[in-house]
């Protein structure tokens, strides 16, 4: 299951692009890379990090757990080890509910 943030899919994203996707600093991206073993960017000859869509999907899960649900880093690590699929399903449900909420609010404004 993929948690795609963009419609156009690139092979690799720079650290700046990933930081922009989540509206965070690049230092947080580097920190989470060190803390979570599911983030495994490639590095080019210059040493620049190149993140795949899988890395971006994993960042989304981590972001959801830490920033949106208030987990500690250790709590997020435990949750990912415990049941990653369940977390992904919950994120998808929240996304769907937010879309429905937005749609209903639009309808309410038109009435």
PDB file of N, CA and C in Angstrom:
ATOM      1  N   UNK A   1       0.853  -1.174   0.000  1.00  0.00           N
ATOM      2  CA  UNK A   1       0.000   0.000   0.000  1.00  0.00           C
ATOM      3  C   UNK A   1       0.895   1.231   0.000  1.00  0.00           C
ATOM      4  N   UNK A   2       0.598   2.176  -0.847  1.00  0.00           N
ATOM      5  CA  UNK A   2       1.418   3.365  -0.968  1.00  0.00           C
ATOM      6  C   UNK A   2       0.650   4.591  -0.488  1.00  0.00           C
ATOM      7  N   UNK A   3       1.325   5.438   0.249  1.00  0.00           N
ATOM      8  CA  UNK A   3       0.728   6.669   0.745  1.00  0.00           C
ATOM      9  C   UNK A   3       1.272   7.824  -0.091  1.00  0.00           C
ATOM     10  N   UNK A   4       0.809   7.950  -1.313  1.00  0.00           N
ATOM     11  CA  UNK A   4       1.373   8.923  -2.239  1.00  0.00           C
ATOM     12  C   UNK A   4       0.928  10.334  -1.901  1.00  0.00           C
ATOM     13  N   UNK A   5       1.909  11.239  -1.825  1.00  0.00           N
ATOM     14  CA  UNK A   5       1.626  12.640  -1.548  1.00  0.00           C
ATOM     15  C   UNK A   5       1.457  13.443  -2.822  1.00  0.00           C
ATOM     16  N   UNK A   6       2.038  12.993  -3.900  1.00  0.00           N
ATOM     17  CA  UNK A   6       1.987  13.723  -5.161  1.00  0.00           C
ATOM     18  C   UNK A   6       1.480  12.802  -6.245  1.00  0.00           C
ATOM     19  N   UNK A   7       0.838  13.405  -7.261  1.00  0.00           N
ATOM     20  CA  UNK A   7       0.331  12.598  -8.364  1.00  0.00           C
ATOM     21  C   UNK A   7       1.466  12.148  -9.273  1.00  0.00           C
ATOM     22  N   UNK A   8       2.430  13.040  -9.539  1.00  0.00           N
ATOM     23  CA  UNK A   8       3.560  12.649 -10.375  1.00  0.00           C
ATOM     24  C   UNK A   8       4.587  11.958  -9.494  1.00  0.00           C
ATOM     25  N   UNK A   9       5.008  10.817  -9.910  1.00  0.00           N
ATOM     26  CA  UNK A   9       5.920  10.037  -9.094  1.00  0.00           C
ATOM     27  C   UNK A   9       7.323  10.119  -9.666  1.00  0.00           C
ATOM     28  N   UNK A  10       8.246  10.550  -8.846  1.00  0.00           N
ATOM     29  CA  UNK A  10       9.643  10.621  -9.228  1.00  0.00           C
ATOM     30  C   UNK A  10      10.346   9.401  -8.668  1.00  0.00           C
ATOM     31  N   UNK A  11      11.505   9.093  -9.219  1.00  0.00           N
ATOM     32  CA  UNK A  11      12.290   7.992  -8.674  1.00  0.00           C
ATOM     33  C   UNK A  11      12.932   8.382  -7.346  1.00  0.00           C
ATOM     34  N   UNK A  12      13.449   9.611  -7.290  1.00  0.00           N
ATOM     35  CA  UNK A  12      14.134  10.068  -6.082  1.00  0.00           C
ATOM     36  C   UNK A  12      13.734  11.496  -5.749  1.00  0.00           C
ATOM     37  N   UNK A  13      13.695  11.771  -4.456  1.00  0.00           N
ATOM     38  CA  UNK A  13      13.398  13.108  -3.961  1.00  0.00           C
ATOM     39  C   UNK A  13      14.588  13.592  -3.142  1.00  0.00           C
ATOM     40  N   UNK A  14      14.894  14.883  -3.265  1.00  0.00           N
ATOM     41  CA  UNK A  14      15.974  15.460  -2.459  1.00  0.00           C
ATOM     42  C   UNK A  14      15.465  15.667  -1.042  1.00  0.00           C
ATOM     43  N   UNK A  15      16.386  15.920  -0.129  1.00  0.00           N
ATOM     44  CA  UNK A  15      16.000  16.151   1.262  1.00  0.00           C
ATOM     45  C   UNK A  15      15.132  17.409   1.369  1.00  0.00           C
ATOM     46  N   UNK A  16      15.429  18.416   0.546  1.00  0.00           N
ATOM     47  CA  UNK A  16      14.628  19.636   0.543  1.00  0.00           C
ATOM     48  C   UNK A  16      13.202  19.383   0.088  1.00  0.00           C
ATOM     49  N   UNK A  17      13.040  18.552  -0.930  1.00  0.00           N
ATOM     50  CA  UNK A  17      11.696  18.218  -1.413  1.00  0.00           C
ATOM     51  C   UNK A  17      10.900  17.472  -0.349  1.00  0.00           C
ATOM     52  N   UNK A  18      11.556  16.544   0.338  1.00  0.00           N
ATOM     53  CA  UNK A  18      10.873  15.777   1.388  1.00  0.00           C
ATOM     54  C   UNK A  18      10.488  16.714   2.537  1.00  0.00           C
ATOM     55  N   UNK A  19      11.398  17.591   2.922  1.00  0.00           N
ATOM     56  CA  UNK A  19      11.108  18.543   3.999  1.00  0.00           C
ATOM     57  C   UNK A  19       9.926  19.431   3.620  1.00  0.00           C
ATOM     58  N   UNK A  20       9.883  19.879   2.360  1.00  0.00           N
ATOM     59  CA  UNK A  20       8.772  20.719   1.899  1.00  0.00           C
ATOM     60  C   UNK A  20       7.441  19.975   1.925  1.00  0.00           C
ATOM     61  N   UNK A  21       7.460  18.677   1.596  1.00  0.00           N
ATOM     62  CA  UNK A  21       6.225  17.886   1.607  1.00  0.00           C
ATOM     63  C   UNK A  21       5.561  17.892   2.980  1.00  0.00           C
ATOM     64  N   UNK A  22       6.403  17.907   4.031  1.00  0.00           N
ATOM     65  CA  UNK A  22       5.881  17.814   5.394  1.00  0.00           C
ATOM     66  C   UNK A  22       5.968  19.146   6.140  1.00  0.00           C
ATOM     67  N   UNK A  23       6.443  20.183   5.431  1.00  0.00           N
ATOM     68  CA  UNK A  23       6.580  21.508   6.026  1.00  0.00           C
ATOM     69  C   UNK A  23       7.423  21.478   7.305  1.00  0.00           C
ATOM     70  N   UNK A  24       8.580  20.796   7.211  1.00  0.00           N
ATOM     71  CA  UNK A  24       9.514  20.692   8.332  1.00  0.00           C
ATOM     72  C   UNK A  24      10.913  21.083   7.839  1.00  0.00           C
ATOM     73  N   UNK A  25      11.832  21.246   8.760  1.00  0.00           N
ATOM     74  CA  UNK A  25      13.218  21.541   8.409  1.00  0.00           C
ATOM     75  C   UNK A  25      13.940  20.290   7.940  1.00  0.00           C
ATOM     76  N   UNK A  26      14.957  20.483   7.112  1.00  0.00           N
ATOM     77  CA  UNK A  26      15.758  19.341   6.645  1.00  0.00           C
ATOM     78  C   UNK A  26      16.462  18.656   7.805  1.00  0.00           C
ATOM     79  N   UNK A  27      16.753  19.409   8.873  1.00  0.00           N
ATOM     80  CA  UNK A  27      17.420  18.795  10.023  1.00  0.00           C
ATOM     81  C   UNK A  27      16.531  17.728  10.663  1.00  0.00           C
ATOM     82  N   UNK A  28      15.217  17.946  10.660  1.00  0.00           N
ATOM     83  CA  UNK A  28      14.298  16.939  11.210  1.00  0.00           C
ATOM     84  C   UNK A  28      14.310  15.687  10.338  1.00  0.00           C
ATOM     85  N   UNK A  29      14.380  15.873   9.025  1.00  0.00           N
ATOM     86  CA  UNK A  29      14.434  14.730   8.115  1.00  0.00           C
ATOM     87  C   UNK A  29      15.702  13.913   8.392  1.00  0.00           C
ATOM     88  N   UNK A  30      16.836  14.584   8.536  1.00  0.00           N
ATOM     89  CA  UNK A  30      18.101  13.879   8.843  1.00  0.00           C
ATOM     90  C   UNK A  30      18.010  13.159  10.192  1.00  0.00           C
ATOM     91  N   UNK A  31      17.393  13.821  11.177  1.00  0.00           N
ATOM     92  CA  UNK A  31      17.260  13.230  12.502  1.00  0.00           C
ATOM     93  C   UNK A  31      16.398  11.972  12.447  1.00  0.00           C
ATOM     94  N   UNK A  32      15.242  12.068  11.789  1.00  0.00           N
ATOM     95  CA  UNK A  32      14.375  10.891  11.691  1.00  0.00           C
ATOM     96  C   UNK A  32      15.043   9.782  10.909  1.00  0.00           C
ATOM     97  N   UNK A  33      15.846  10.134   9.924  1.00  0.00           N
ATOM     98  CA  UNK A  33      16.584   9.111   9.162  1.00  0.00           C
ATOM     99  C   UNK A  33      17.487   8.307  10.097  1.00  0.00           C
ATOM    100  N   UNK A  34      18.139   8.994  11.024  1.00  0.00           N
ATOM    101  CA  UNK A  34      19.030   8.312  11.981  1.00  0.00           C
ATOM    102  C   UNK A  34      18.240   7.483  12.991  1.00  0.00           C
ATOM    103  N   UNK A  35      17.078   7.998  13.390  1.00  0.00           N
ATOM    104  CA  UNK A  35      16.285   7.355  14.433  1.00  0.00           C
ATOM    105  C   UNK A  35      15.470   6.154  13.956  1.00  0.00           C
ATOM    106  N   UNK A  36      15.029   6.166  12.703  1.00  0.00           N
ATOM    107  CA  UNK A  36      14.138   5.123  12.205  1.00  0.00           C
ATOM    108  C   UNK A  36      14.835   4.322  11.120  1.00  0.00           C
ATOM    109  N   UNK A  37      14.970   3.029  11.337  1.00  0.00           N
ATOM    110  CA  UNK A  37      15.680   2.177  10.374  1.00  0.00           C
ATOM    111  C   UNK A  37      14.890   1.899   9.104  1.00  0.00           C
ATOM    112  N   UNK A  38      13.624   2.303   9.042  1.00  0.00           N
ATOM    113  CA  UNK A  38      12.840   2.109   7.817  1.00  0.00           C
ATOM    114  C   UNK A  38      13.170   3.168   6.764  1.00  0.00           C
ATOM    115  N   UNK A  39      13.883   4.221   7.156  1.00  0.00           N
ATOM    116  CA  UNK A  39      14.288   5.276   6.226  1.00  0.00           C
ATOM    117  C   UNK A  39      15.702   4.953   5.761  1.00  0.00           C
ATOM    118  N   UNK A  40      15.829   4.658   4.471  1.00  0.00           N
ATOM    119  CA  UNK A  40      17.133   4.250   3.941  1.00  0.00           C
ATOM    120  C   UNK A  40      17.416   4.969   2.618  1.00  0.00           C
ATOM    121  N   UNK A  41      17.759   6.263   2.686  1.00  0.00           N
ATOM    122  CA  UNK A  41      18.013   6.967   1.431  1.00  0.00           C
ATOM    123  C   UNK A  41      19.324   6.518   0.800  1.00  0.00           C
ATOM    124  N   UNK A  42      19.363   6.627  -0.508  1.00  0.00           N
ATOM    125  CA  UNK A  42      20.624   6.421  -1.211  1.00  0.00           C
ATOM    126  C   UNK A  42      21.378   7.730  -1.146  1.00  0.00           C
ATOM    127  N   UNK A  43      22.669   7.658  -1.383  1.00  0.00           N
ATOM    128  CA  UNK A  43      23.451   8.887  -1.442  1.00  0.00           C
ATOM    129  C   UNK A  43      24.206   8.911  -2.760  1.00  0.00           C
ATOM    130  N   UNK A  44      24.241  10.090  -3.377  1.00  0.00           N
ATOM    131  CA  UNK A  44      24.978  10.213  -4.634  1.00  0.00           C
ATOM    132  C   UNK A  44      26.465  10.428  -4.327  1.00  0.00           C
ATOM    133  N   UNK A  45      27.256  10.664  -5.354  1.00  0.00           N
ATOM    134  CA  UNK A  45      28.700  10.815  -5.168  1.00  0.00           C
ATOM    135  C   UNK A  45      29.052  12.006  -4.274  1.00  0.00           C
ATOM    136  N   UNK A  46      28.214  13.025  -4.300  1.00  0.00           N
ATOM    137  CA  UNK A  46      28.437  14.202  -3.448  1.00  0.00           C
ATOM    138  C   UNK A  46      28.015  13.954  -2.001  1.00  0.00           C
ATOM    139  N   UNK A  47      27.291  12.873  -1.762  1.00  0.00           N
ATOM    140  CA  UNK A  47      26.794  12.577  -0.418  1.00  0.00           C
ATOM    141  C   UNK A  47      25.390  13.095  -0.167  1.00  0.00           C
ATOM    142  N   UNK A  48      24.750  13.626  -1.214  1.00  0.00           N
ATOM    143  CA  UNK A  48      23.372  14.105  -1.066  1.00  0.00           C
ATOM    144  C   UNK A  48      22.417  12.927  -0.933  1.00  0.00           C
ATOM    145  N   UNK A  49      21.467  13.066  -0.037  1.00  0.00           N
ATOM    146  CA  UNK A  49      20.486  12.005   0.175  1.00  0.00           C
ATOM    147  C   UNK A  49      19.464  12.004  -0.959  1.00  0.00           C
ATOM    148  N   UNK A  50      19.110  10.796  -1.402  1.00  0.00           N
ATOM    149  CA  UNK A  50      18.092  10.616  -2.432  1.00  0.00           C
ATOM    150  C   UNK A  50      17.047   9.658  -1.880  1.00  0.00           C
ATOM    151  N   UNK A  51      15.870  10.198  -1.608  1.00  0.00           N
ATOM    152  CA  UNK A  51      14.802   9.419  -0.984  1.00  0.00           C
ATOM    153  C   UNK A  51      13.870   8.846  -2.045  1.00  0.00           C
ATOM    154  N   UNK A  52      13.476   7.587  -1.874  1.00  0.00           N
ATOM    155  CA  UNK A  52      12.535   6.931  -2.776  1.00  0.00           C
ATOM    156  C   UNK A  52      11.111   7.203  -2.299  1.00  0.00           C
ATOM    157  N   UNK A  53      10.125   6.799  -3.109  1.00  0.00           N
ATOM    158  CA  UNK A  53       8.726   6.945  -2.710  1.00  0.00           C
ATOM    159  C   UNK A  53       8.450   6.142  -1.438  1.00  0.00           C
ATOM    160  N   UNK A  54       9.110   4.999  -1.293  1.00  0.00           N
ATOM    161  CA  UNK A  54       8.933   4.186  -0.076  1.00  0.00           C
ATOM    162  C   UNK A  54       9.409   4.959   1.146  1.00  0.00           C
ATOM    163  N   UNK A  55      10.563   5.653   1.017  1.00  0.00           N
ATOM    164  CA  UNK A  55      11.046   6.482   2.120  1.00  0.00           C
ATOM    165  C   UNK A  55      10.033   7.575   2.452  1.00  0.00           C
ATOM    166  N   UNK A  56       9.486   8.217   1.428  1.00  0.00           N
ATOM    167  CA  UNK A  56       8.489   9.280   1.633  1.00  0.00           C
ATOM    168  C   UNK A  56       7.249   8.708   2.336  1.00  0.00           C
ATOM    169  N   UNK A  57       6.816   7.529   1.902  1.00  0.00           N
ATOM    170  CA  UNK A  57       5.667   6.880   2.547  1.00  0.00           C
ATOM    171  C   UNK A  57       5.955   6.612   4.021  1.00  0.00           C
ATOM    172  N   UNK A  58       7.176   6.142   4.318  1.00  0.00           N
ATOM    173  CA  UNK A  58       7.556   5.890   5.712  1.00  0.00           C
ATOM    174  C   UNK A  58       7.632   7.183   6.511  1.00  0.00           C
ATOM    175  N   UNK A  59       8.122   8.263   5.896  1.00  0.00           N
ATOM    176  CA  UNK A  59       8.116   9.564   6.561  1.00  0.00           C
ATOM    177  C   UNK A  59       6.686   9.981   6.882  1.00  0.00           C
ATOM    178  N   UNK A  60       5.769   9.719   5.965  1.00  0.00           N
ATOM    179  CA  UNK A  60       4.378  10.097   6.208  1.00  0.00           C
ATOM    180  C   UNK A  60       3.841   9.363   7.440  1.00  0.00           C
ATOM    181  N   UNK A  61       4.155   8.092   7.554  1.00  0.00           N
ATOM    182  CA  UNK A  61       3.711   7.305   8.708  1.00  0.00           C
ATOM    183  C   UNK A  61       4.311   7.878   9.991  1.00  0.00           C
ATOM    184  N   UNK A  62       5.618   8.148   9.961  1.00  0.00           N
ATOM    185  CA  UNK A  62       6.294   8.698  11.141  1.00  0.00           C
ATOM    186  C   UNK A  62       5.707  10.064  11.489  1.00  0.00           C
ATOM    187  N   UNK A  63       5.508  10.914  10.487  1.00  0.00           N
ATOM    188  CA  UNK A  63       4.940  12.237  10.703  1.00  0.00           C
ATOM    189  C   UNK A  63       3.558  12.117  11.346  1.00  0.00           C
ATOM    190  N   UNK A  64       2.751  11.215  10.812  1.00  0.00           N
ATOM    191  CA  UNK A  64       1.405  11.009  11.351  1.00  0.00           C
ATOM    192  C   UNK A  64       1.467  10.608  12.827  1.00  0.00           C
ATOM    193  N   UNK A  65       2.325   9.661  13.145  1.00  0.00           N
ATOM    194  CA  UNK A  65       2.409   9.176  14.521  1.00  0.00           C
ATOM    195  C   UNK A  65       2.947  10.242  15.477  1.00  0.00           C
ATOM    196  N   UNK A  66       4.027  10.926  15.065  1.00  0.00           N
ATOM    197  CA  UNK A  66       4.702  11.866  15.966  1.00  0.00           C
ATOM    198  C   UNK A  66       4.008  13.228  16.008  1.00  0.00           C
ATOM    199  N   UNK A  67       3.738  13.795  14.849  1.00  0.00           N
ATOM    200  CA  UNK A  67       3.217  15.161  14.803  1.00  0.00           C
ATOM    201  C   UNK A  67       1.703  15.232  14.932  1.00  0.00           C
ATOM    202  N   UNK A  68       0.988  14.271  14.358  1.00  0.00           N
ATOM    203  CA  UNK A  68      -0.473  14.337  14.376  1.00  0.00           C
ATOM    204  C   UNK A  68      -1.091  13.586  15.553  1.00  0.00           C
ATOM    205  N   UNK A  69      -0.470  12.485  15.956  1.00  0.00           N
ATOM    206  CA  UNK A  69      -1.059  11.702  17.045  1.00  0.00           C
ATOM    207  C   UNK A  69      -0.321  11.865  18.366  1.00  0.00           C
ATOM    208  N   UNK A  70       0.835  12.567  18.352  1.00  0.00           N
ATOM    209  CA  UNK A  70       1.534  12.879  19.597  1.00  0.00           C
ATOM    210  C   UNK A  70       2.379  11.760  20.188  1.00  0.00           C
ATOM    211  N   UNK A  71       2.758  10.771  19.380  1.00  0.00           N
ATOM    212  CA  UNK A  71       3.613   9.703  19.872  1.00  0.00           C
ATOM    213  C   UNK A  71       5.014  10.243  20.162  1.00  0.00           C
ATOM    214  N   UNK A  72       5.698   9.648  21.132  1.00  0.00           N
ATOM    215  CA  UNK A  72       7.121   9.916  21.298  1.00  0.00           C
ATOM    216  C   UNK A  72       7.852   9.171  20.188  1.00  0.00           C
ATOM    217  N   UNK A  73       9.126   9.482  19.987  1.00  0.00           N
ATOM    218  CA  UNK A  73       9.882   8.762  18.957  1.00  0.00           C
ATOM    219  C   UNK A  73       9.935   7.274  19.276  1.00  0.00           C
ATOM    220  N   UNK A  74      10.152   6.941  20.547  1.00  0.00           N
ATOM    221  CA  UNK A  74      10.188   5.529  20.924  1.00  0.00           C
ATOM    222  C   UNK A  74       8.826   4.880  20.713  1.00  0.00           C
ATOM    223  N   UNK A  75       7.773   5.596  21.034  1.00  0.00           N
ATOM    224  CA  UNK A  75       6.423   5.078  20.823  1.00  0.00           C
ATOM    225  C   UNK A  75       6.148   4.827  19.349  1.00  0.00           C
ATOM    226  N   UNK A  76       6.611   5.738  18.491  1.00  0.00           N
ATOM    227  CA  UNK A  76       6.439   5.570  17.048  1.00  0.00           C
ATOM    228  C   UNK A  76       7.237   4.375  16.545  1.00  0.00           C
ATOM    229  N   UNK A  77       8.465   4.216  17.054  1.00  0.00           N
ATOM    230  CA  UNK A  77       9.292   3.061  16.659  1.00  0.00           C
ATOM    231  C   UNK A  77       8.593   1.759  17.045  1.00  0.00           C
ATOM    232  N   UNK A  78       8.084   1.726  18.272  1.00  0.00           N
ATOM    233  CA  UNK A  78       7.388   0.526  18.749  1.00  0.00           C
ATOM    234  C   UNK A  78       6.154   0.233  17.905  1.00  0.00           C
ATOM    235  N   UNK A  79       5.398   1.269  17.579  1.00  0.00           N
ATOM    236  CA  UNK A  79       4.176   1.101  16.783  1.00  0.00           C
ATOM    237  C   UNK A  79       4.508   0.562  15.392  1.00  0.00           C
ATOM    238  N   UNK A  80       5.588   1.071  14.790  1.00  0.00           N
ATOM    239  CA  UNK A  80       5.996   0.595  13.465  1.00  0.00           C
ATOM    240  C   UNK A  80       6.419  -0.872  13.512  1.00  0.00           C
ATOM    241  N   UNK A  81       7.120  -1.260  14.569  1.00  0.00           N
ATOM    242  CA  UNK A  81       7.547  -2.658  14.697  1.00  0.00           C
ATOM    243  C   UNK A  81       6.361  -3.553  15.013  1.00  0.00           C
ATOM    244  N   UNK A  82       5.454  -3.038  15.830  1.00  0.00           N
ATOM    245  CA  UNK A  82       4.309  -3.811  16.310  1.00  0.00           C
ATOM    246  C   UNK A  82       3.311  -4.113  15.186  1.00  0.00           C
ATOM    247  N   UNK A  83       2.887  -3.075  14.478  1.00  0.00           N
ATOM    248  CA  UNK A  83       1.852  -3.305  13.478  1.00  0.00           C
ATOM    249  C   UNK A  83       1.812  -2.151  12.472  1.00  0.00           C
ATOM    250  N   UNK A  84       2.733  -2.169  11.543  1.00  0.00           N
ATOM    251  CA  UNK A  84       2.841  -1.096  10.547  1.00  0.00           C
ATOM    252  C   UNK A  84       1.608  -1.052   9.644  1.00  0.00           C
ATOM    253  N   UNK A  85       1.098  -2.197   9.223  1.00  0.00           N
ATOM    254  CA  UNK A  85      -0.074  -2.234   8.331  1.00  0.00           C
ATOM    255  C   UNK A  85      -1.293  -1.595   8.986  1.00  0.00           C
ATOM    256  N   UNK A  86      -1.483  -1.851  10.271  1.00  0.00           N
ATOM    257  CA  UNK A  86      -2.609  -1.266  10.991  1.00  0.00           C
ATOM    258  C   UNK A  86      -2.496   0.260  11.010  1.00  0.00           C
ATOM    259  N   UNK A  87      -1.285   0.747  11.205  1.00  0.00           N
ATOM    260  CA  UNK A  87      -1.047   2.189  11.203  1.00  0.00           C
ATOM    261  C   UNK A  87      -1.344   2.781   9.838  1.00  0.00           C
ATOM    262  N   UNK A  88      -0.905   2.123   8.774  1.00  0.00           N
ATOM    263  CA  UNK A  88      -1.174   2.593   7.413  1.00  0.00           C
ATOM    264  C   UNK A  88      -2.675   2.634   7.159  1.00  0.00           C
ATOM    265  N   UNK A  89      -3.377   1.587   7.568  1.00  0.00           N
ATOM    266  CA  UNK A  89      -4.833   1.557   7.384  1.00  0.00           C
ATOM    267  C   UNK A  89      -5.513   2.695   8.135  1.00  0.00           C
ATOM    268  N   UNK A  90      -5.056   2.968   9.361  1.00  0.00           N
ATOM    269  CA  UNK A  90      -5.628   4.068  10.137  1.00  0.00           C
ATOM    270  C   UNK A  90      -5.380   5.410   9.456  1.00  0.00           C
ATOM    271  N   UNK A  91      -4.194   5.592   8.891  1.00  0.00           N
ATOM    272  CA  UNK A  91      -3.880   6.836   8.192  1.00  0.00           C
ATOM    273  C   UNK A  91      -4.807   7.001   6.997  1.00  0.00           C
ATOM    274  N   UNK A  92      -5.017   5.925   6.250  1.00  0.00           N
ATOM    275  CA  UNK A  92      -5.902   5.990   5.081  1.00  0.00           C
ATOM    276  C   UNK A  92      -7.336   6.319   5.489  1.00  0.00           C
ATOM    277  N   UNK A  93      -7.786   5.763   6.606  1.00  0.00           N
ATOM    278  CA  UNK A  93      -9.126   6.052   7.101  1.00  0.00           C
ATOM    279  C   UNK A  93      -9.238   7.529   7.483  1.00  0.00           C
ATOM    280  N   UNK A  94      -8.235   8.053   8.172  1.00  0.00           N
ATOM    281  CA  UNK A  94      -8.240   9.468   8.561  1.00  0.00           C
ATOM    282  C   UNK A  94      -8.255  10.358   7.322  1.00  0.00           C
ATOM    283  N   UNK A  95      -7.463  10.006   6.307  1.00  0.00           N
ATOM    284  CA  UNK A  95      -7.453  10.783   5.059  1.00  0.00           C
ATOM    285  C   UNK A  95      -8.846  10.784   4.423  1.00  0.00           C
ATOM    286  N   UNK A  96      -9.478   9.624   4.367  1.00  0.00           N
ATOM    287  CA  UNK A  96     -10.816   9.522   3.775  1.00  0.00           C
ATOM    288  C   UNK A  96     -11.829  10.351   4.555  1.00  0.00           C
ATOM    289  N   UNK A  97     -11.770  10.275   5.871  1.00  0.00           N
ATOM    290  CA  UNK A  97     -12.699  11.041   6.699  1.00  0.00           C
ATOM    291  C   UNK A  97     -12.479  12.544   6.524  1.00  0.00           C
ATOM    292  N   UNK A  98     -11.226  12.968   6.391  1.00  0.00           N
ATOM    293  CA  UNK A  98     -10.948  14.388   6.175  1.00  0.00           C
ATOM    294  C   UNK A  98     -11.483  14.860   4.828  1.00  0.00           C
ATOM    295  N   UNK A  99     -11.394  14.008   3.798  1.00  0.00           N
ATOM    296  CA  UNK A  99     -11.950  14.355   2.487  1.00  0.00           C
ATOM    297  C   UNK A  99     -13.470  14.498   2.579  1.00  0.00           C
ATOM    298  N   UNK A 100     -14.108  13.561   3.289  1.00  0.00           N
ATOM    299  CA  UNK A 100     -15.561  13.612   3.458  1.00  0.00           C
ATOM    300  C   UNK A 100     -15.949  14.876   4.219  1.00  0.00           C
ATOM    301  N   UNK A 101     -15.204  15.200   5.279  1.00  0.00           N
ATOM    302  CA  UNK A 101     -15.476  16.400   6.066  1.00  0.00           C
ATOM    303  C   UNK A 101     -15.379  17.647   5.187  1.00  0.00           C
ATOM    304  N   UNK A 102     -14.321  17.736   4.386  1.00  0.00           N
ATOM    305  CA  UNK A 102     -14.146  18.886   3.495  1.00  0.00           C
ATOM    306  C   UNK A 102     -15.300  18.998   2.510  1.00  0.00           C
ATOM    307  N   UNK A 103     -15.693  17.862   1.957  1.00  0.00           N
ATOM    308  CA  UNK A 103     -16.816  17.834   1.009  1.00  0.00           C
ATOM    309  C   UNK A 103     -18.098  18.319   1.670  1.00  0.00           C
ATOM    310  N   UNK A 104     -18.373  17.821   2.872  1.00  0.00           N
ATOM    311  CA  UNK A 104     -19.591  18.218   3.588  1.00  0.00           C
ATOM    312  C   UNK A 104     -19.559  19.701   3.960  1.00  0.00           C
ATOM    313  N   UNK A 105     -18.382  20.217   4.329  1.00  0.00           N
ATOM    314  CA  UNK A 105     -18.265  21.643   4.652  1.00  0.00           C
ATOM    315  C   UNK A 105     -18.499  22.502   3.405  1.00  0.00           C
ATOM    316  N   UNK A 106     -18.046  22.038   2.252  1.00  0.00           N
ATOM    317  CA  UNK A 106     -18.305  22.744   0.998  1.00  0.00           C
ATOM    318  C   UNK A 106     -19.797  22.797   0.706  1.00  0.00           C
ATOM    319  N   UNK A 107     -20.473  21.671   0.898  1.00  0.00           N
ATOM    320  CA  UNK A 107     -21.915  21.614   0.662  1.00  0.00           C
ATOM    321  C   UNK A 107     -22.639  22.573   1.622  1.00  0.00           C
ATOM    322  N   UNK A 108     -22.196  22.574   2.896  1.00  0.00           N
ATOM    323  CA  UNK A 108     -22.809  23.446   3.887  1.00  0.00           C
ATOM    324  C   UNK A 108     -22.667  24.914   3.491  1.00  0.00           C
ATOM    325  N   UNK A 109     -21.517  25.296   2.970  1.00  0.00           N
ATOM    326  CA  UNK A 109     -21.277  26.686   2.557  1.00  0.00           C
ATOM    327  C   UNK A 109     -22.177  27.073   1.376  1.00  0.00           C
ATOM    328  N   UNK A 110     -22.497  26.101   0.533  1.00  0.00           N
ATOM    329  CA  UNK A 110     -23.320  26.382  -0.644  1.00  0.00           C
ATOM    330  C   UNK A 110     -24.804  26.492  -0.313  1.00  0.00           C
ATOM    331  N   UNK A 111     -25.191  25.994   0.854  1.00  0.00           N
ATOM    332  CA  UNK A 111     -26.620  26.050   1.235  1.00  0.00           C
ATOM    333  C   UNK A 111     -27.013  27.423   1.717  1.00  0.00           C
TER     334      UNK A 111
END
